[in-house]
Amino acid sequence: MTVQTTIIGTGQIGASIGLALREHIDLFFRVGHDKDFRVANRSKEMGAFDRVERNLPSSVDGAQIVILALPLDQIPETLKFIAEALQDDAVVMDTSPVKSQVLSWMNELLPPKCHYIGLVPVLNPAYLDSAEHGVEAAHADLFKKGTIAILSPQGASSEAIKLATDFTHLLGAAHLYIDPIELDSMMAATHVLPQLIGTAYLNSTVDQPGWADARKLAGQPYAQVTGVVRHSQDAHTLASEALSVREHLMRQIDALVSDLNMLRDQLSSNDSENLLQEFSHARQGQEKWLTERNSSSWDLTGNASGVDLPTSKQIFTRMFTFGGGRKPKLPKSSKS
């Protein structure tokens, strides 16, 4: 018997979760749904799912685990559609990079007998420079040597938290328990702000009178700084994420402006010594981070290497102690 796991959103993240779970086919029956059914079918062709379901509420029928691998702005409407179809004690997880707004939606829309745990996956360093996106960028090892931050609301079931932790290890990642406010502050600085910087810098150059000639000379440095705009999510999603963490972002922007003003003052005063120190410090910081990131040499208690993977019996024990030992539904046939 397997645990039905429904993944809503079969792009890079959702399809990669499905591909990773293929290594544990004795534990999971994988159901996929995407509003673009061509994408869902493609993910199934790649081996990410046992079945794809066109109807959204039907996709969660019988699911013990539901993963929302969706842009932030699509989460509330999706929850409204699936809420009545969710079975009691289902564990709902999402992969949005920011969480305070998601917590609010879950409190409002998730049935009280269901459990919510937030996940923020940080990818395998092998894919840091990848320009791929969408379902074609899905890989079974996308999360290996990465970290998944786990956020649980106050009063969350300890079994649901343990289940999410086991799930993280099955994907090949280390886990990191984190507070939602702290998480949003970190993601504002490392996920949203770089995209805003690229946006501001690009707009400040392409709208200048001299751009007609400057564009011919713009090279690798310009492409690297502005490339984040091309590779980031769509404008609507980025705006939603930015507004959801606006207080954190405003503090980060103030700090950035302060550093830029300091560089400006050093340039104005021809302060070559301090300017050199700033450049050297930045290079050393980036090299140190890249070395640690590529080797995954973090001091994390949940490093996935050496962790015993949960057995099918353990997975089921965690799932069904919620409902007093109630038997699960059998998954539907994989025919499609």
Protein backbone atom coordinates (compact mmCIF):
# COMPACT_ATOMS: atom_id res chain seq x y z
CA MET A 1 0.00 0.00 0.00
CA THR A 2 1.26 3.50 -0.87
CA VAL A 3 0.60 7.03 0.31
CA GLN A 4 -1.18 9.07 -2.35
CA THR A 5 0.74 12.29 -2.82
CA THR A 6 -0.87 14.96 -5.00
CA ILE A 7 1.34 17.69 -6.42
CA ILE A 8 -0.49 20.75 -7.76
CA GLY A 9 1.79 22.62 -10.12
CA THR A 10 3.96 20.43 -12.33
CA GLY A 11 6.66 22.91 -13.33
CA GLN A 12 10.30 22.65 -12.28
CA ILE A 13 9.67 22.23 -8.54
CA GLY A 14 6.55 20.06 -8.70
CA ALA A 15 7.85 17.74 -11.41
CA SER A 16 11.23 17.46 -9.67
CA ILE A 17 9.50 16.35 -6.46
CA GLY A 18 7.63 13.72 -8.48
CA LEU A 19 10.86 12.55 -10.14
CA ALA A 20 12.63 12.33 -6.77
CA LEU A 21 9.79 10.27 -5.32
CA ARG A 22 10.12 7.80 -8.19
CA GLU A 23 13.06 6.34 -6.24
CA HIS A 24 10.57 5.47 -3.48
CA ILE A 25 7.75 4.07 -5.54
CA ASP A 26 6.98 1.58 -2.75
CA LEU A 27 5.98 4.53 -0.54
CA PHE A 28 4.11 6.91 -2.83
CA PHE A 29 1.43 6.96 -5.50
CA ARG A 30 2.05 10.25 -7.33
CA VAL A 31 -0.82 12.32 -8.74
CA GLY A 32 -0.17 15.54 -10.63
CA HIS A 33 -2.34 18.50 -11.62
CA ASP A 34 -1.52 21.66 -13.54
CA LYS A 35 -3.80 24.33 -14.95
CA ASP A 36 -1.92 23.81 -18.22
CA PHE A 37 -2.73 20.17 -18.91
CA ARG A 38 -0.04 19.99 -21.60
CA VAL A 39 2.54 20.68 -18.88
CA ALA A 40 0.96 18.03 -16.65
CA ASN A 41 1.08 15.47 -19.45
CA ARG A 42 4.69 16.34 -20.22
CA SER A 43 5.64 15.81 -16.58
CA LYS A 44 3.97 12.39 -16.67
CA GLU A 45 5.86 11.49 -19.85
CA MET A 46 9.06 12.35 -17.99
CA GLY A 47 8.13 9.86 -15.26
CA ALA A 48 7.26 12.39 -12.55
CA PHE A 49 3.72 11.06 -11.94
CA ASP A 50 1.76 7.84 -11.94
CA ARG A 51 -1.39 9.72 -12.95
CA VAL A 52 -2.28 13.29 -13.89
CA GLU A 53 -5.73 14.65 -13.18
CA ARG A 54 -7.37 17.40 -15.20
CA ASN A 55 -9.98 18.27 -12.53
CA LEU A 56 -8.45 20.14 -9.59
CA PRO A 57 -10.70 18.91 -6.73
CA SER A 58 -10.55 15.35 -8.07
CA SER A 59 -6.75 15.47 -7.94
CA VAL A 60 -6.77 15.60 -4.12
CA ASP A 61 -9.44 12.94 -3.66
CA GLY A 62 -7.85 10.29 -1.44
CA ALA A 63 -4.58 12.21 -1.05
CA GLN A 64 -2.83 11.99 2.31
CA ILE A 65 -0.16 14.47 1.24
CA VAL A 66 -0.92 17.53 -0.95
CA ILE A 67 1.89 19.75 -2.20
CA LEU A 68 1.16 23.17 -3.67
CA ALA A 69 4.12 23.84 -5.98
CA LEU A 70 2.58 27.11 -7.13
CA PRO A 71 3.38 30.80 -7.45
CA LEU A 72 2.37 32.71 -4.33
CA ASP A 73 -0.56 34.50 -6.00
CA GLN A 74 -2.18 31.20 -7.09
CA ILE A 75 -2.30 29.62 -3.64
CA PRO A 76 -5.51 31.17 -2.16
CA GLU A 77 -7.68 30.42 -5.18
CA THR A 78 -6.34 26.86 -5.33
CA LEU A 79 -7.11 26.34 -1.64
CA LYS A 80 -10.68 27.51 -2.19
CA PHE A 81 -11.14 24.94 -4.95
CA ILE A 82 -9.70 21.95 -3.07
CA ALA A 83 -10.77 22.66 0.53
CA GLU A 84 -13.97 20.60 0.47
CA ALA A 85 -12.28 17.73 -1.37
CA LEU A 86 -9.44 17.35 1.13
CA GLN A 87 -9.76 14.33 3.36
CA ASP A 88 -9.45 14.62 7.13
CA ASP A 89 -5.87 14.64 8.42
CA ALA A 90 -4.36 15.39 5.01
CA VAL A 91 -1.03 17.17 5.29
CA VAL A 92 -0.86 20.19 2.97
CA MET A 93 2.55 21.61 2.13
CA ASP A 94 3.56 24.46 -0.16
CA THR A 95 6.86 25.52 -1.74
CA SER A 96 6.39 29.29 -1.90
CA PRO A 97 9.56 31.22 -0.97
CA VAL A 98 7.68 33.52 1.44
CA LYS A 99 5.34 32.29 4.14
CA SER A 100 3.59 34.85 6.35
CA GLN A 101 0.90 35.47 3.74
CA VAL A 102 0.52 31.73 3.13
CA LEU A 103 0.03 31.13 6.85
CA SER A 104 -2.79 33.66 6.85
CA TRP A 105 -4.49 31.96 3.89
CA MET A 106 -4.11 28.53 5.47
CA ASN A 107 -5.66 29.73 8.72
CA GLU A 108 -8.59 31.12 6.77
CA LEU A 109 -9.17 28.46 4.11
CA LEU A 110 -7.72 25.12 5.20
CA PRO A 111 -10.25 22.76 6.84
CA PRO A 112 -9.56 22.48 10.60
CA LYS A 113 -8.95 18.71 10.43
CA CYS A 114 -6.11 19.15 7.91
CA HIS A 115 -2.51 20.03 8.72
CA TYR A 116 -0.28 22.68 7.12
CA ILE A 117 3.52 22.63 6.94
CA GLY A 118 5.46 25.12 4.80
CA LEU A 119 8.50 24.12 2.76
CA VAL A 120 11.09 26.35 1.09
CA PRO A 121 13.38 24.24 -1.12
CA VAL A 122 16.86 25.51 -1.91
CA LEU A 123 18.24 23.75 -4.96
CA ASN A 124 21.19 21.49 -5.58
CA PRO A 125 24.22 23.79 -6.13
CA ALA A 126 24.85 22.01 -9.43
CA TYR A 127 21.90 24.00 -10.82
CA LEU A 128 22.83 27.44 -9.44
CA ASP A 129 23.86 28.74 -12.86
CA SER A 130 21.21 26.90 -14.85
CA ALA A 131 19.11 29.03 -17.19
CA GLU A 132 16.46 26.33 -17.57
CA HIS A 133 12.95 26.92 -16.33
CA GLY A 134 9.57 25.19 -16.27
CA VAL A 135 8.93 21.48 -16.55
CA GLU A 136 11.91 20.93 -18.84
CA ALA A 137 14.14 22.10 -15.97
CA ALA A 138 12.88 19.32 -13.66
CA HIS A 139 15.48 16.89 -12.34
CA ALA A 140 15.28 14.00 -9.88
CA ASP A 141 18.33 15.35 -8.05
CA LEU A 142 17.20 19.01 -7.98
CA PHE A 143 17.08 19.01 -4.16
CA LYS A 144 20.08 16.80 -3.38
CA LYS A 145 22.85 18.58 -1.47
CA GLY A 146 20.32 21.35 -0.90
CA THR A 147 18.39 22.52 2.14
CA ILE A 148 14.64 22.64 2.69
CA ALA A 149 13.42 25.12 5.29
CA ILE A 150 10.47 23.73 7.25
CA LEU A 151 7.93 26.11 8.73
CA SER A 152 5.17 24.91 11.04
CA PRO A 153 2.38 27.10 12.42
CA GLN A 154 1.89 27.38 16.15
CA GLY A 155 0.19 24.26 17.48
CA ALA A 156 1.07 22.13 14.45
CA SER A 157 0.99 18.37 14.95
CA SER A 158 4.38 16.93 15.84
CA GLU A 159 3.61 13.99 13.55
CA ALA A 160 2.93 16.33 10.63
CA ILE A 161 6.26 18.07 11.27
CA LYS A 162 8.05 14.72 11.43
CA LEU A 163 6.35 13.64 8.23
CA ALA A 164 7.55 16.81 6.47
CA THR A 165 11.06 16.20 7.79
CA ASP A 166 11.06 12.62 6.51
CA PHE A 167 9.74 13.88 3.18
CA THR A 168 12.60 16.39 2.97
CA HIS A 169 15.14 13.63 3.53
CA LEU A 170 13.50 11.48 0.86
CA LEU A 171 14.14 14.31 -1.61
CA GLY A 172 17.82 14.20 -0.68
CA ALA A 173 17.91 17.52 1.20
CA ALA A 174 18.85 18.61 4.69
CA HIS A 175 16.14 20.24 6.80
CA LEU A 176 16.16 23.53 8.66
CA TYR A 177 13.35 24.47 11.06
CA ILE A 178 12.66 28.18 10.93
CA ASP A 179 10.30 30.89 12.18
CA PRO A 180 8.04 32.51 9.52
CA ILE A 181 9.14 36.09 10.24
CA GLU A 182 12.81 35.13 10.20
CA LEU A 183 12.27 33.14 7.01
CA ASP A 184 10.53 36.00 5.22
CA SER A 185 13.32 38.38 6.22
CA MET A 186 15.93 36.01 4.81
CA MET A 187 14.02 35.35 1.60
CA ALA A 188 13.36 39.06 1.11
CA ALA A 189 17.14 39.59 1.15
CA THR A 190 18.26 36.56 -0.86
CA HIS A 191 15.35 35.81 -3.20
CA VAL A 192 13.20 38.89 -3.82
CA LEU A 193 15.71 41.74 -3.48
CA PRO A 194 18.13 40.45 -6.17
CA GLN A 195 15.22 40.46 -8.63
CA LEU A 196 14.28 44.00 -7.62
CA ILE A 197 17.89 45.13 -8.00
CA GLY A 198 18.05 43.66 -11.50
CA THR A 199 14.73 45.31 -12.34
CA ALA A 200 15.82 48.74 -11.08
CA TYR A 201 19.22 48.58 -12.74
CA LEU A 202 17.80 47.47 -16.08
CA ASN A 203 15.12 50.17 -16.05
CA SER A 204 17.71 52.81 -15.09
CA THR A 205 19.79 51.97 -18.17
CA VAL A 206 17.38 51.10 -20.98
CA ASP A 207 15.43 54.32 -20.40
CA GLN A 208 18.51 56.57 -20.60
CA PRO A 209 19.07 58.74 -23.72
CA GLY A 210 22.41 57.08 -24.47
CA TRP A 211 21.06 53.53 -24.44
CA ALA A 212 20.89 53.31 -28.25
CA ASP A 213 24.69 53.20 -28.33
CA ALA A 214 25.35 51.77 -24.86
CA ARG A 215 23.39 48.60 -25.66
CA LYS A 216 25.98 47.78 -28.32
CA LEU A 217 28.76 47.82 -25.73
CA ALA A 218 26.94 46.11 -22.84
CA GLY A 219 28.65 42.79 -22.13
CA GLN A 220 29.01 40.06 -19.53
CA PRO A 221 28.80 42.22 -16.36
CA TYR A 222 25.57 43.82 -17.62
CA ALA A 223 24.13 40.44 -18.66
CA GLN A 224 24.95 38.89 -15.28
CA VAL A 225 23.36 41.66 -13.21
CA THR A 226 20.23 41.94 -15.36
CA GLY A 227 19.93 38.23 -16.14
CA VAL A 228 17.99 37.70 -12.91
CA VAL A 229 15.08 39.54 -14.54
CA ARG A 230 15.01 37.13 -17.48
CA HIS A 231 15.25 34.05 -15.27
CA SER A 232 12.88 35.19 -12.52
CA GLN A 233 9.21 34.31 -12.25
CA ASP A 234 6.53 36.31 -14.02
CA ALA A 235 5.93 39.94 -13.07
CA HIS A 236 2.66 39.26 -11.25
CA THR A 237 4.25 36.65 -8.98
CA LEU A 238 7.28 38.83 -8.23
CA ALA A 239 5.01 41.77 -7.35
CA SER A 240 2.94 39.53 -5.04
CA GLU A 241 6.04 38.23 -3.26
CA ALA A 242 7.54 41.71 -2.91
CA LEU A 243 4.37 43.17 -1.43
CA SER A 244 3.97 40.24 0.97
CA VAL A 245 7.43 40.94 2.48
CA ARG A 246 7.49 44.69 1.90
CA GLU A 247 8.53 45.64 5.45
CA HIS A 248 11.55 43.33 5.27
CA LEU A 249 12.34 44.56 1.76
CA MET A 250 12.22 48.21 2.74
CA ARG A 251 14.83 47.60 5.46
CA GLN A 252 17.01 45.68 3.00
CA ILE A 253 16.67 48.43 0.38
CA ASP A 254 17.65 51.04 2.99
CA ALA A 255 20.78 49.01 3.82
CA LEU A 256 21.62 48.64 0.13
CA VAL A 257 21.16 52.37 -0.53
CA SER A 258 23.44 53.09 2.43
CA ASP A 259 26.17 50.88 0.96
CA LEU A 260 25.74 52.45 -2.48
CA ASN A 261 25.99 55.94 -0.95
CA MET A 262 29.19 54.89 0.83
CA LEU A 263 30.67 53.71 -2.49
CA ARG A 264 29.55 56.96 -4.08
CA ASP A 265 31.30 58.97 -1.35
CA GLN A 266 34.49 56.94 -1.81
CA LEU A 267 34.39 57.61 -5.55
CA SER A 268 33.71 61.29 -4.99
CA SER A 269 36.67 61.65 -2.60
CA ASN A 270 38.96 59.49 -4.75
CA ASP A 271 39.33 57.13 -1.77
CA SER A 272 41.09 54.28 -3.56
CA GLU A 273 42.16 52.50 -0.35
CA ASN A 274 38.67 52.06 1.08
CA LEU A 275 37.22 51.36 -2.36
CA LEU A 276 39.72 48.53 -2.81
CA GLN A 277 38.83 47.17 0.63
CA GLU A 278 35.13 47.12 -0.27
CA PHE A 279 35.79 45.25 -3.52
CA SER A 280 38.10 42.74 -1.81
CA HIS A 281 35.66 42.16 1.04
CA ALA A 282 32.83 41.50 -1.41
CA ARG A 283 34.92 39.06 -3.45
CA GLN A 284 35.99 37.13 -0.34
CA GLY A 285 32.40 36.96 0.90
CA GLN A 286 31.14 35.63 -2.41
CA GLU A 287 33.93 33.06 -2.74
CA LYS A 288 33.32 31.81 0.82
CA TRP A 289 29.58 31.48 0.20
CA LEU A 290 30.06 29.65 -3.12
CA THR A 291 32.55 27.22 -1.55
CA GLU A 292 30.15 26.44 1.30
CA ARG A 293 27.14 26.27 -1.01
CA ASN A 294 28.81 23.92 -3.49
CA SER A 295 30.06 21.61 -0.74
CA SER A 296 26.88 21.93 1.36
CA SER A 297 29.17 22.39 4.36
CA TRP A 298 26.54 23.88 6.63
CA ASP A 299 26.20 23.23 10.33
CA LEU A 300 22.71 21.71 10.04
CA THR A 301 21.28 19.12 12.40
CA GLY A 302 19.19 17.65 9.61
CA ASN A 303 21.85 16.82 7.05
CA ALA A 304 20.31 14.23 4.79
CA SER A 305 23.52 12.27 4.35
CA GLY A 306 23.63 9.35 6.73
CA VAL A 307 19.97 9.74 7.70
CA ASP A 308 18.02 6.49 7.63
CA LEU A 309 15.10 6.84 5.25
CA PRO A 310 11.68 6.10 6.79
CA THR A 311 10.08 2.79 5.92
CA SER A 312 6.64 2.49 4.37
CA LYS A 313 5.29 1.36 7.74
CA GLN A 314 6.75 4.44 9.46
CA ILE A 315 5.24 6.74 6.85
CA PHE A 316 1.82 5.21 7.35
CA THR A 317 2.15 5.32 11.13
CA ARG A 318 2.82 9.05 10.98
CA MET A 319 -0.04 9.62 8.59
CA PHE A 320 -2.74 7.66 10.30
CA THR A 321 -2.15 8.29 13.98
CA PHE A 322 -3.84 11.63 13.20
CA GLY A 323 -7.24 9.99 12.80
CA GLY A 324 -7.08 7.37 15.50
CA GLY A 325 -5.79 4.59 13.29
CA ARG A 326 -8.38 5.03 10.52
CA LYS A 327 -7.55 3.05 7.37
CA PRO A 328 -6.54 5.05 4.29
CA LYS A 329 -8.26 4.94 0.94
CA LEU A 330 -6.55 2.86 -1.70
CA PRO A 331 -5.10 4.97 -4.49
CA LYS A 332 -6.92 4.99 -7.80
CA SER A 333 -5.62 3.05 -10.76
CA SER A 334 -2.73 4.64 -12.61
CA LYS A 335 -4.58 4.39 -15.90
CA SER A 336 -5.02 7.71 -17.66
